[in-house]
Amino acid sequence: MLVDEYTGVGYADKICGYGCSDHAAWNASGFRSTFPHELASSPYVHTVNDTTDTISFQRILEFSKIAVAFAIELAEPRSA
């Protein structure tokens, strides 16, 4: 819902059959987690060309929006 509400990127709901990243351990322990990743948008991921000069700063902006949205949506309102 956060991706739809706050960004212009798509997403896929996939189950990883191995220890994909740190998020896999959280999921295995019963905590819902997410793993934003640019694999679908970058042909350079995990290749010798996966360098800082091939970074998509537009994608970083979209991932940052997701991170800020998590913080805002999960924050508890302050009592007056």
Protein backbone atom coordinates (compact mmCIF):
# COMPACT_ATOMS: atom_id res chain seq x y z
CA MET A 1 0.00 0.00 0.00
CA LEU A 2 2.88 2.38 0.76
CA VAL A 3 4.40 1.85 -2.68
CA ASP A 4 1.08 2.61 -4.36
CA GLU A 5 0.38 5.63 -2.15
CA TYR A 6 3.77 7.33 -2.07
CA THR A 7 5.77 6.28 -5.14
CA GLY A 8 5.55 5.85 -8.87
CA VAL A 9 7.22 2.44 -8.98
CA GLY A 10 5.73 -1.02 -9.18
CA TYR A 11 6.31 -3.96 -6.88
CA ALA A 12 6.16 -7.72 -6.79
CA ASP A 13 5.14 -9.86 -3.84
CA LYS A 14 7.56 -12.77 -3.95
CA ILE A 15 8.68 -15.45 -1.54
CA CYS A 16 12.38 -16.13 -1.45
CA GLY A 17 13.46 -19.74 -1.04
CA TYR A 18 16.81 -18.87 0.52
CA GLY A 19 18.42 -16.25 2.75
CA CYS A 20 17.94 -13.44 0.23
CA SER A 21 19.02 -10.67 2.54
CA ASP A 22 18.64 -9.50 6.12
CA HIS A 23 14.88 -9.30 5.67
CA ALA A 24 14.66 -13.10 5.27
CA ALA A 25 15.72 -13.67 8.89
CA TRP A 26 13.06 -11.23 10.09
CA ASN A 27 10.39 -13.02 8.04
CA ALA A 28 11.56 -16.41 9.36
CA SER A 29 11.14 -15.07 12.91
CA GLY A 30 7.55 -14.05 12.25
CA PHE A 31 8.09 -10.34 11.56
CA ARG A 32 6.75 -8.95 8.31
CA SER A 33 9.45 -7.20 6.33
CA THR A 34 10.20 -5.85 2.91
CA PHE A 35 13.17 -5.71 0.59
CA PRO A 36 13.19 -2.86 -1.91
CA HIS A 37 15.48 -3.87 -4.75
CA GLU A 38 16.37 -2.50 -8.16
CA LEU A 39 16.85 -5.84 -9.90
CA ALA A 40 13.94 -5.30 -12.28
CA SER A 41 15.11 -1.80 -13.19
CA SER A 42 18.87 -2.32 -13.56
CA PRO A 43 20.68 -4.76 -15.84
CA TYR A 44 23.85 -4.14 -13.80
CA VAL A 45 22.83 -5.71 -10.47
CA HIS A 46 25.36 -8.35 -9.36
CA THR A 47 27.54 -7.88 -12.44
CA VAL A 48 30.99 -6.33 -12.86
CA ASN A 49 29.17 -3.19 -14.03
CA ASP A 50 27.30 -2.83 -10.70
CA THR A 51 29.23 0.31 -9.80
CA THR A 52 28.42 3.76 -8.46
CA ASP A 53 28.32 5.25 -11.94
CA THR A 54 25.38 2.98 -12.89
CA ILE A 55 23.27 3.97 -9.89
CA SER A 56 19.77 5.21 -10.67
CA PHE A 57 19.26 8.24 -8.47
CA GLN A 58 15.61 8.31 -9.52
CA ARG A 59 15.25 4.80 -8.05
CA ILE A 60 17.04 5.91 -4.87
CA LEU A 61 14.51 8.74 -4.59
CA GLU A 62 11.62 6.27 -4.87
CA PHE A 63 13.19 3.95 -2.25
CA SER A 64 13.68 6.95 0.04
CA LYS A 65 9.99 7.78 -0.30
CA ILE A 66 9.15 4.24 0.85
CA ALA A 67 11.46 4.56 3.88
CA VAL A 68 9.95 7.90 4.90
CA ALA A 69 6.42 6.54 4.37
CA PHE A 70 7.19 3.61 6.70
CA ALA A 71 8.38 6.02 9.39
CA ILE A 72 5.36 8.29 9.03
CA GLU A 73 2.77 5.52 8.87
CA LEU A 74 4.22 3.61 11.81
CA ALA A 75 4.81 6.62 14.04
CA GLU A 76 2.51 6.90 17.01
CA PRO A 77 0.66 10.18 17.27
CA ARG A 78 1.71 12.35 20.16
CA SER A 79 -0.82 13.03 22.83
CA ALA A 80 -1.71 16.67 23.36
